[in-house]
Amino acid sequence: MSVPVSKSHAPGCWRWLLLICVAIALTGCATSQPATARSRHFAFEQDTFAYPNELVWEYHFDQRGKWVHQRREPNPDYTHHCFVVARAAKQFFQNARFDPAQPKADTKTCRRLIRKVVATSPRNELPDGKKIVIPGYASLRELSQAQEKLLQANCGGAWRSYFQRGHWRMIWPFSRHHQQKTAETLAAEIKRNRAPVVHLVRFPGLSINHAVVLFDATATEKEILFAAYDPNSPDKPATLTYDRTARVFSFPTNFYFPGGRVDVYEIYRGCCY
């Protein structure tokens, strides 16, 4: 779920999962109140995990230019967690505070603090006086370099990628007006130092089905370039492009997506998402 899949390898659970999504959509709910601006900007080298969400499949263009795939060997250890990683990055950004001046906590205490951060709402930020203090480390990037396995074991299972409550939205059409409003809202949130998590999807083909964290936006007359933290590729930022004229988002070719148009909506922002 957390990794893009080809049409021929879309998980069979999508049929019943979509029924659940429809049920959630029909229940209806109120949206959350707009959050206040943060004092600190999301910093890629500090607020991201050092390790990647790995892929089950390897993708590439064959000699005829067809996008093909094969199972990765050996089997990777940490897969289907892109929504988990993106969600946790936002939770640490808005609800944790790192204090390198304090001694490092023992494994038991560190596990407890990680779980405490992951138990916070990604939709609401804790006030400064109630943020969870992570002692002995300067940033999430540093913590994840030293405590990779501990974070992977305690940030949430792969099932959280399948059962993200906002998945119902992908089954409804995305109008150009909707995508325009989405681009404008995301740019405004980033200006206020928020770090919106977005779902990139092509439904029903699912050539991409992925979550990234947006943290910067550069606007021109023709487009908006969003800098993104991609859980699959933590070494450098990715770029999500919004074309103002066509009112279309696009994501570049990389090692898991052939490139092209994507539909975008924000998740972890309200009770329905």
C-alpha atoms as a PDB file:
ATOM      1  CA  MET A   1       0.000   0.000   0.000  1.00  0.00           C
ATOM      2  CA  SER A   2       2.674   2.449   0.932  1.00  0.00           C
ATOM      3  CA  VAL A   3       4.683   1.779  -2.196  1.00  0.00           C
ATOM      4  CA  PRO A   4       3.474   2.480  -5.719  1.00  0.00           C
ATOM      5  CA  VAL A   5       2.307  -0.632  -7.501  1.00  0.00           C
ATOM      6  CA  SER A   6       1.646  -1.456 -11.110  1.00  0.00           C
ATOM      7  CA  LYS A   7      -1.898  -2.054 -12.219  1.00  0.00           C
ATOM      8  CA  SER A   8      -1.266  -5.779 -12.503  1.00  0.00           C
ATOM      9  CA  HIS A   9      -0.004  -5.934  -8.920  1.00  0.00           C
ATOM     10  CA  ALA A  10      -2.633  -3.821  -7.130  1.00  0.00           C
ATOM     11  CA  PRO A  11      -3.368  -5.624  -3.830  1.00  0.00           C
ATOM     12  CA  GLY A  12      -6.493  -7.777  -3.810  1.00  0.00           C
ATOM     13  CA  CYS A  13      -7.547  -6.179  -0.543  1.00  0.00           C
ATOM     14  CA  TRP A  14      -8.424  -2.984  -2.440  1.00  0.00           C
ATOM     15  CA  ARG A  15     -11.945  -4.247  -3.134  1.00  0.00           C
ATOM     16  CA  TRP A  16     -12.970  -4.550   0.481  1.00  0.00           C
ATOM     17  CA  LEU A  17     -10.779  -1.637   1.531  1.00  0.00           C
ATOM     18  CA  LEU A  18     -12.678   0.647  -0.832  1.00  0.00           C
ATOM     19  CA  LEU A  19     -15.963  -0.496   0.679  1.00  0.00           C
ATOM     20  CA  ILE A  20     -14.630   0.579   4.072  1.00  0.00           C
ATOM     21  CA  CYS A  21     -13.532   3.898   2.602  1.00  0.00           C
ATOM     22  CA  VAL A  22     -16.967   4.518   1.153  1.00  0.00           C
ATOM     23  CA  ALA A  23     -18.558   3.753   4.515  1.00  0.00           C
ATOM     24  CA  ILE A  24     -16.274   6.246   6.231  1.00  0.00           C
ATOM     25  CA  ALA A  25     -17.017   8.875   3.593  1.00  0.00           C
ATOM     26  CA  LEU A  26     -20.754   8.487   4.007  1.00  0.00           C
ATOM     27  CA  THR A  27     -20.617   8.962   7.773  1.00  0.00           C
ATOM     28  CA  GLY A  28     -19.584  12.600   7.375  1.00  0.00           C
ATOM     29  CA  CYS A  29     -17.696  14.712   9.902  1.00  0.00           C
ATOM     30  CA  ALA A  30     -16.627  18.251  10.679  1.00  0.00           C
ATOM     31  CA  THR A  31     -13.244  19.560   9.629  1.00  0.00           C
ATOM     32  CA  SER A  32     -10.689  20.696  12.181  1.00  0.00           C
ATOM     33  CA  GLN A  33     -10.046  24.346  12.938  1.00  0.00           C
ATOM     34  CA  PRO A  34      -7.168  26.019  11.076  1.00  0.00           C
ATOM     35  CA  ALA A  35      -3.910  25.561  12.955  1.00  0.00           C
ATOM     36  CA  THR A  36      -1.780  28.483  14.025  1.00  0.00           C
ATOM     37  CA  ALA A  37       1.531  29.167  12.346  1.00  0.00           C
ATOM     38  CA  ARG A  38       4.653  27.472  13.663  1.00  0.00           C
ATOM     39  CA  SER A  39       7.683  29.522  14.644  1.00  0.00           C
ATOM     40  CA  ARG A  40      10.114  27.082  12.999  1.00  0.00           C
ATOM     41  CA  HIS A  41      10.301  25.938   9.387  1.00  0.00           C
ATOM     42  CA  PHE A  42      10.535  22.226   8.564  1.00  0.00           C
ATOM     43  CA  ALA A  43      14.218  21.532   7.824  1.00  0.00           C
ATOM     44  CA  PHE A  44      14.973  18.588   5.552  1.00  0.00           C
ATOM     45  CA  GLU A  45      18.328  17.757   7.166  1.00  0.00           C
ATOM     46  CA  GLN A  46      16.814  17.786  10.651  1.00  0.00           C
ATOM     47  CA  ASP A  47      13.152  16.764  10.480  1.00  0.00           C
ATOM     48  CA  THR A  48      13.368  13.653   8.298  1.00  0.00           C
ATOM     49  CA  PHE A  49      14.269  10.020   8.916  1.00  0.00           C
ATOM     50  CA  ALA A  50      17.722   8.871   7.799  1.00  0.00           C
ATOM     51  CA  TYR A  51      16.449   5.467   6.641  1.00  0.00           C
ATOM     52  CA  PRO A  52      14.080   4.783   3.708  1.00  0.00           C
ATOM     53  CA  ASN A  53      10.787   3.028   3.318  1.00  0.00           C
ATOM     54  CA  GLU A  54      11.937   0.177   1.098  1.00  0.00           C
ATOM     55  CA  LEU A  55      10.184  -1.255  -1.950  1.00  0.00           C
ATOM     56  CA  VAL A  56       9.033  -4.813  -2.605  1.00  0.00           C
ATOM     57  CA  TRP A  57       9.451  -4.318  -6.369  1.00  0.00           C
ATOM     58  CA  GLU A  58      12.192  -2.955  -8.606  1.00  0.00           C
ATOM     59  CA  TYR A  59      10.967  -0.766 -11.489  1.00  0.00           C
ATOM     60  CA  HIS A  60      12.553   0.352 -14.752  1.00  0.00           C
ATOM     61  CA  PHE A  61      11.885   1.044 -18.421  1.00  0.00           C
ATOM     62  CA  ASP A  62      12.714  -1.916 -20.651  1.00  0.00           C
ATOM     63  CA  GLN A  63      14.302  -1.692 -24.092  1.00  0.00           C
ATOM     64  CA  ARG A  64      10.913  -0.963 -25.662  1.00  0.00           C
ATOM     65  CA  GLY A  65      10.247   1.880 -23.247  1.00  0.00           C
ATOM     66  CA  LYS A  66       7.685  -0.062 -21.228  1.00  0.00           C
ATOM     67  CA  TRP A  67       7.603   0.449 -17.449  1.00  0.00           C
ATOM     68  CA  VAL A  68       8.195  -2.994 -15.942  1.00  0.00           C
ATOM     69  CA  HIS A  69       8.970  -4.458 -12.545  1.00  0.00           C
ATOM     70  CA  GLN A  70      10.399  -7.468 -10.796  1.00  0.00           C
ATOM     71  CA  ARG A  71      10.558  -8.598  -7.175  1.00  0.00           C
ATOM     72  CA  ARG A  72      13.473  -7.188  -5.236  1.00  0.00           C
ATOM     73  CA  GLU A  73      16.074  -9.683  -4.039  1.00  0.00           C
ATOM     74  CA  PRO A  74      16.796 -10.188  -1.246  1.00  0.00           C
ATOM     75  CA  ASN A  75      13.469  -9.275   0.297  1.00  0.00           C
ATOM     76  CA  PRO A  76      13.728  -5.887   2.030  1.00  0.00           C
ATOM     77  CA  ASP A  77      13.043  -5.631   5.756  1.00  0.00           C
ATOM     78  CA  TYR A  78      11.052  -2.393   5.995  1.00  0.00           C
ATOM     79  CA  THR A  79       8.329  -2.002   3.365  1.00  0.00           C
ATOM     80  CA  HIS A  80       4.781  -0.596   3.013  1.00  0.00           C
ATOM     81  CA  HIS A  81       5.500   2.144   5.564  1.00  0.00           C
ATOM     82  CA  CYS A  82       5.527   5.377   3.525  1.00  0.00           C
ATOM     83  CA  PHE A  83       2.351   6.702   5.190  1.00  0.00           C
ATOM     84  CA  VAL A  84       3.723   5.651   8.587  1.00  0.00           C
ATOM     85  CA  VAL A  85       7.038   7.420   8.000  1.00  0.00           C
ATOM     86  CA  ALA A  86       5.441  10.596   6.636  1.00  0.00           C
ATOM     87  CA  ARG A  87       2.963  10.716   9.520  1.00  0.00           C
ATOM     88  CA  ALA A  88       5.669  10.165  12.132  1.00  0.00           C
ATOM     89  CA  ALA A  89       7.895  12.856  10.609  1.00  0.00           C
ATOM     90  CA  LYS A  90       5.051  15.338  11.010  1.00  0.00           C
ATOM     91  CA  GLN A  91       4.366  14.179  14.572  1.00  0.00           C
ATOM     92  CA  PHE A  92       8.009  14.605  15.603  1.00  0.00           C
ATOM     93  CA  PHE A  93       8.159  17.993  13.864  1.00  0.00           C
ATOM     94  CA  GLN A  94       5.163  19.445  15.645  1.00  0.00           C
ATOM     95  CA  ASN A  95       4.967  17.501  18.917  1.00  0.00           C
ATOM     96  CA  ALA A  96       8.552  16.672  19.955  1.00  0.00           C
ATOM     97  CA  ARG A  97      11.515  18.743  21.075  1.00  0.00           C
ATOM     98  CA  PHE A  98      15.095  17.494  20.838  1.00  0.00           C
ATOM     99  CA  ASP A  99      17.589  18.397  23.563  1.00  0.00           C
ATOM    100  CA  PRO A 100      21.174  17.292  22.771  1.00  0.00           C
ATOM    101  CA  ALA A 101      22.441  18.800  26.034  1.00  0.00           C
ATOM    102  CA  GLN A 102      20.736  16.077  28.066  1.00  0.00           C
ATOM    103  CA  PRO A 103      22.184  12.561  28.455  1.00  0.00           C
ATOM    104  CA  LYS A 104      20.869   9.956  26.016  1.00  0.00           C
ATOM    105  CA  ALA A 105      18.008   7.894  27.387  1.00  0.00           C
ATOM    106  CA  ASP A 106      18.265   4.130  27.789  1.00  0.00           C
ATOM    107  CA  THR A 107      16.483   1.879  25.297  1.00  0.00           C
ATOM    108  CA  LYS A 108      13.389   1.414  27.458  1.00  0.00           C
ATOM    109  CA  THR A 109      12.943   5.154  27.983  1.00  0.00           C
ATOM    110  CA  CYS A 110      13.644   5.936  24.326  1.00  0.00           C
ATOM    111  CA  ARG A 111      11.012   3.408  23.257  1.00  0.00           C
ATOM    112  CA  ARG A 112       8.496   4.981  25.608  1.00  0.00           C
ATOM    113  CA  LEU A 113       9.199   8.484  24.272  1.00  0.00           C
ATOM    114  CA  ILE A 114       8.894   7.360  20.640  1.00  0.00           C
ATOM    115  CA  ARG A 115       5.541   5.728  21.352  1.00  0.00           C
ATOM    116  CA  LYS A 116       4.418   8.838  23.193  1.00  0.00           C
ATOM    117  CA  VAL A 117       5.163  11.001  20.136  1.00  0.00           C
ATOM    118  CA  VAL A 118       3.454   8.563  17.767  1.00  0.00           C
ATOM    119  CA  ALA A 119       0.389   8.561  20.028  1.00  0.00           C
ATOM    120  CA  THR A 120      -0.072  12.312  19.549  1.00  0.00           C
ATOM    121  CA  SER A 121      -2.440  13.644  16.923  1.00  0.00           C
ATOM    122  CA  PRO A 122      -0.787  14.609  13.618  1.00  0.00           C
ATOM    123  CA  ARG A 123      -3.711  16.999  13.126  1.00  0.00           C
ATOM    124  CA  ASN A 124      -3.051  19.176  16.171  1.00  0.00           C
ATOM    125  CA  GLU A 125       0.192  20.588  17.523  1.00  0.00           C
ATOM    126  CA  LEU A 126       1.069  20.400  21.208  1.00  0.00           C
ATOM    127  CA  PRO A 127       1.894  23.689  22.941  1.00  0.00           C
ATOM    128  CA  ASP A 128       5.599  24.277  23.597  1.00  0.00           C
ATOM    129  CA  GLY A 129       5.313  23.418  27.271  1.00  0.00           C
ATOM    130  CA  LYS A 130       3.793  19.998  26.519  1.00  0.00           C
ATOM    131  CA  LYS A 131       6.051  18.810  23.693  1.00  0.00           C
ATOM    132  CA  ILE A 132       7.734  15.451  24.281  1.00  0.00           C
ATOM    133  CA  VAL A 133      11.426  15.999  25.009  1.00  0.00           C
ATOM    134  CA  ILE A 134      13.863  13.616  23.282  1.00  0.00           C
ATOM    135  CA  PRO A 135      17.131  13.812  25.268  1.00  0.00           C
ATOM    136  CA  GLY A 136      20.618  13.334  23.867  1.00  0.00           C
ATOM    137  CA  TYR A 137      19.857  13.996  20.197  1.00  0.00           C
ATOM    138  CA  ALA A 138      19.756  17.188  18.148  1.00  0.00           C
ATOM    139  CA  SER A 139      17.150  16.116  15.578  1.00  0.00           C
ATOM    140  CA  LEU A 140      14.993  13.330  14.190  1.00  0.00           C
ATOM    141  CA  ARG A 141      17.620  12.699  11.525  1.00  0.00           C
ATOM    142  CA  GLU A 142      20.260  12.112  14.208  1.00  0.00           C
ATOM    143  CA  LEU A 143      17.923   9.966  16.304  1.00  0.00           C
ATOM    144  CA  SER A 144      17.006   7.794  13.323  1.00  0.00           C
ATOM    145  CA  GLN A 145      20.657   7.253  12.446  1.00  0.00           C
ATOM    146  CA  ALA A 146      21.351   5.950  15.942  1.00  0.00           C
ATOM    147  CA  GLN A 147      18.037   4.207  16.674  1.00  0.00           C
ATOM    148  CA  GLU A 148      16.790   2.973  13.289  1.00  0.00           C
ATOM    149  CA  LYS A 149      15.400  -0.388  14.429  1.00  0.00           C
ATOM    150  CA  LEU A 150      13.810   1.082  17.537  1.00  0.00           C
ATOM    151  CA  LEU A 151      11.980   3.708  15.493  1.00  0.00           C
ATOM    152  CA  GLN A 152      10.900   1.224  12.840  1.00  0.00           C
ATOM    153  CA  ALA A 153       9.486  -1.096  15.489  1.00  0.00           C
ATOM    154  CA  ASN A 154       7.590   1.629  17.345  1.00  0.00           C
ATOM    155  CA  CYS A 155       6.375   4.206  14.817  1.00  0.00           C
ATOM    156  CA  GLY A 156       3.564   1.974  13.595  1.00  0.00           C
ATOM    157  CA  GLY A 157       2.950  -1.123  11.519  1.00  0.00           C
ATOM    158  CA  ALA A 158       2.385  -1.320   7.773  1.00  0.00           C
ATOM    159  CA  TRP A 159      -1.342  -1.756   8.416  1.00  0.00           C
ATOM    160  CA  ARG A 160      -1.476   1.977   9.194  1.00  0.00           C
ATOM    161  CA  SER A 161      -0.704   2.643   5.540  1.00  0.00           C
ATOM    162  CA  TYR A 162      -3.643   0.498   4.448  1.00  0.00           C
ATOM    163  CA  PHE A 163      -6.088   1.919   6.974  1.00  0.00           C
ATOM    164  CA  GLN A 164      -5.327   5.624   6.757  1.00  0.00           C
ATOM    165  CA  ARG A 165      -8.773   7.164   7.155  1.00  0.00           C
ATOM    166  CA  GLY A 166      -8.409   9.573   4.221  1.00  0.00           C
ATOM    167  CA  HIS A 167      -8.086   6.817   1.607  1.00  0.00           C
ATOM    168  CA  TRP A 168     -11.777   7.111   0.800  1.00  0.00           C
ATOM    169  CA  ARG A 169     -11.024  10.358  -1.072  1.00  0.00           C
ATOM    170  CA  MET A 170      -9.048   8.705  -3.847  1.00  0.00           C
ATOM    171  CA  ILE A 171     -12.081   6.910  -5.272  1.00  0.00           C
ATOM    172  CA  TRP A 172     -13.862  10.184  -6.159  1.00  0.00           C
ATOM    173  CA  PRO A 173     -12.883  12.275  -9.203  1.00  0.00           C
ATOM    174  CA  PHE A 174     -10.375  15.109  -8.768  1.00  0.00           C
ATOM    175  CA  SER A 175     -11.570  18.198 -10.601  1.00  0.00           C
ATOM    176  CA  ARG A 176      -9.169  20.853 -11.869  1.00  0.00           C
ATOM    177  CA  HIS A 177     -10.816  23.303  -9.485  1.00  0.00           C
ATOM    178  CA  HIS A 178     -10.134  20.947  -6.582  1.00  0.00           C
ATOM    179  CA  GLN A 179      -6.484  20.611  -7.546  1.00  0.00           C
ATOM    180  CA  GLN A 180      -6.141  24.383  -7.892  1.00  0.00           C
ATOM    181  CA  LYS A 181      -7.570  24.917  -4.412  1.00  0.00           C
ATOM    182  CA  THR A 182      -5.348  22.161  -3.077  1.00  0.00           C
ATOM    183  CA  ALA A 183      -2.216  23.801  -4.503  1.00  0.00           C
ATOM    184  CA  GLU A 184      -3.175  27.193  -3.074  1.00  0.00           C
ATOM    185  CA  THR A 185      -3.980  25.743   0.349  1.00  0.00           C
ATOM    186  CA  LEU A 186      -0.744  23.750   0.510  1.00  0.00           C
ATOM    187  CA  ALA A 187       1.333  26.800  -0.434  1.00  0.00           C
ATOM    188  CA  ALA A 188      -0.419  28.844   2.257  1.00  0.00           C
ATOM    189  CA  GLU A 189       0.174  26.169   4.889  1.00  0.00           C
ATOM    190  CA  ILE A 190       3.865  25.977   4.048  1.00  0.00           C
ATOM    191  CA  LYS A 191       4.144  29.757   4.291  1.00  0.00           C
ATOM    192  CA  ARG A 192       2.847  29.426   7.855  1.00  0.00           C
ATOM    193  CA  ASN A 193       5.579  26.844   8.584  1.00  0.00           C
ATOM    194  CA  ARG A 194       3.219  23.898   8.521  1.00  0.00           C
ATOM    195  CA  ALA A 195       4.363  20.591   7.034  1.00  0.00           C
ATOM    196  CA  PRO A 196       1.385  19.133   5.130  1.00  0.00           C
ATOM    197  CA  VAL A 197       1.408  15.428   4.316  1.00  0.00           C
ATOM    198  CA  VAL A 198      -0.125  14.667   0.933  1.00  0.00           C
ATOM    199  CA  HIS A 199      -1.317  11.519  -0.789  1.00  0.00           C
ATOM    200  CA  LEU A 200      -0.063  11.154  -4.382  1.00  0.00           C
ATOM    201  CA  VAL A 201      -2.295   8.790  -6.313  1.00  0.00           C
ATOM    202  CA  ARG A 202      -3.382   7.623  -9.756  1.00  0.00           C
ATOM    203  CA  PHE A 203      -6.653   5.755  -9.246  1.00  0.00           C
ATOM    204  CA  PRO A 204      -7.736   3.123 -10.146  1.00  0.00           C
ATOM    205  CA  GLY A 205      -4.501   2.115 -11.887  1.00  0.00           C
ATOM    206  CA  LEU A 206      -2.338   2.823  -8.820  1.00  0.00           C
ATOM    207  CA  SER A 207       0.832   3.449 -10.780  1.00  0.00           C
ATOM    208  CA  ILE A 208       1.555   5.621  -7.744  1.00  0.00           C
ATOM    209  CA  ASN A 209       0.029   5.380  -4.291  1.00  0.00           C
ATOM    210  CA  HIS A 210       2.334   7.263  -1.988  1.00  0.00           C
ATOM    211  CA  ALA A 211       2.679   9.812   0.823  1.00  0.00           C
ATOM    212  CA  VAL A 212       5.187  12.675   1.030  1.00  0.00           C
ATOM    213  CA  VAL A 213       5.705  15.658   3.336  1.00  0.00           C
ATOM    214  CA  LEU A 214       5.770  19.116   1.723  1.00  0.00           C
ATOM    215  CA  PHE A 215       7.959  21.756   3.343  1.00  0.00           C
ATOM    216  CA  ASP A 216       8.720  24.500   0.806  1.00  0.00           C
ATOM    217  CA  ALA A 217       6.962  26.170  -2.140  1.00  0.00           C
ATOM    218  CA  THR A 218       8.372  28.375  -4.899  1.00  0.00           C
ATOM    219  CA  ALA A 219       5.693  30.102  -6.981  1.00  0.00           C
ATOM    220  CA  THR A 220       5.971  31.621 -10.461  1.00  0.00           C
ATOM    221  CA  GLU A 221       3.326  32.736 -12.947  1.00  0.00           C
ATOM    222  CA  LYS A 222       3.360  29.304 -14.579  1.00  0.00           C
ATOM    223  CA  GLU A 223       3.818  26.864 -11.712  1.00  0.00           C
ATOM    224  CA  ILE A 224       4.379  26.130  -8.056  1.00  0.00           C
ATOM    225  CA  LEU A 225       7.351  23.941  -7.151  1.00  0.00           C
ATOM    226  CA  PHE A 226       6.801  22.078  -3.886  1.00  0.00           C
ATOM    227  CA  ALA A 227       9.849  20.653  -2.112  1.00  0.00           C
ATOM    228  CA  ALA A 228       8.969  17.272  -0.644  1.00  0.00           C
ATOM    229  CA  TYR A 229      10.389  14.788   1.817  1.00  0.00           C
ATOM    230  CA  ASP A 230       9.909  11.422   0.137  1.00  0.00           C
ATOM    231  CA  PRO A 231      10.039   8.521   2.657  1.00  0.00           C
ATOM    232  CA  ASN A 232      11.292   6.258  -0.144  1.00  0.00           C
ATOM    233  CA  SER A 233      14.272   8.523  -0.837  1.00  0.00           C
ATOM    234  CA  PRO A 234      15.566  10.314   2.300  1.00  0.00           C
ATOM    235  CA  ASP A 235      18.902  11.482   0.837  1.00  0.00           C
ATOM    236  CA  LYS A 236      17.544  14.583  -0.912  1.00  0.00           C
ATOM    237  CA  PRO A 237      14.257  16.455  -1.423  1.00  0.00           C
ATOM    238  CA  ALA A 238      11.916  15.557  -4.262  1.00  0.00           C
ATOM    239  CA  THR A 239       9.896  18.079  -6.284  1.00  0.00           C
ATOM    240  CA  LEU A 240       6.127  18.040  -6.766  1.00  0.00           C
ATOM    241  CA  THR A 241       5.142  20.460  -9.547  1.00  0.00           C
ATOM    242  CA  TYR A 242       1.810  22.207  -9.957  1.00  0.00           C
ATOM    243  CA  ASP A 243       1.050  23.631 -13.432  1.00  0.00           C
ATOM    244  CA  ARG A 244      -1.119  26.730 -12.970  1.00  0.00           C
ATOM    245  CA  THR A 245      -2.452  26.712 -16.542  1.00  0.00           C
ATOM    246  CA  ALA A 246      -3.391  23.037 -16.763  1.00  0.00           C
ATOM    247  CA  ARG A 247      -4.193  22.921 -13.024  1.00  0.00           C
ATOM    248  CA  VAL A 248      -2.370  19.608 -12.782  1.00  0.00           C
ATOM    249  CA  PHE A 249       0.206  18.202 -10.383  1.00  0.00           C
ATOM    250  CA  SER A 250       3.107  16.115 -11.665  1.00  0.00           C
ATOM    251  CA  PHE A 251       5.837  14.046 -10.053  1.00  0.00           C
ATOM    252  CA  PRO A 252       9.135  13.283 -11.803  1.00  0.00           C
ATOM    253  CA  THR A 253      10.431   9.933 -12.997  1.00  0.00           C
ATOM    254  CA  ASN A 254      12.313   8.101 -10.268  1.00  0.00           C
ATOM    255  CA  PHE A 255      13.189   4.544  -9.243  1.00  0.00           C
ATOM    256  CA  TYR A 256       9.561   3.641  -8.442  1.00  0.00           C
ATOM    257  CA  PHE A 257       7.362   5.907 -10.619  1.00  0.00           C
ATOM    258  CA  PRO A 258       7.543   6.443 -14.398  1.00  0.00           C
ATOM    259  CA  GLY A 259       6.721  10.123 -13.982  1.00  0.00           C
ATOM    260  CA  GLY A 260       3.739  12.243 -14.960  1.00  0.00           C
ATOM    261  CA  ARG A 261       0.434  13.492 -13.636  1.00  0.00           C
ATOM    262  CA  VAL A 262      -0.643  12.698 -10.094  1.00  0.00           C
ATOM    263  CA  ASP A 263      -3.743  13.591  -8.122  1.00  0.00           C
ATOM    264  CA  VAL A 264      -3.015  15.215  -4.777  1.00  0.00           C
ATOM    265  CA  TYR A 265      -4.897  15.725  -1.545  1.00  0.00           C
ATOM    266  CA  GLU A 266      -3.794  16.480   1.987  1.00  0.00           C
ATOM    267  CA  ILE A 267      -4.126  13.884   4.760  1.00  0.00           C
ATOM    268  CA  TYR A 268      -3.767  14.050   8.562  1.00  0.00           C
ATOM    269  CA  ARG A 269      -5.460  17.453   8.555  1.00  0.00           C
ATOM    270  CA  GLY A 270      -9.008  16.816   9.798  1.00  0.00           C
ATOM    271  CA  CYS A 271     -11.180  14.088  11.249  1.00  0.00           C
ATOM    272  CA  CYS A 272     -12.020  12.667   7.792  1.00  0.00           C
ATOM    273  CA  TYR A 273      -8.416  12.670   6.596  1.00  0.00           C
END
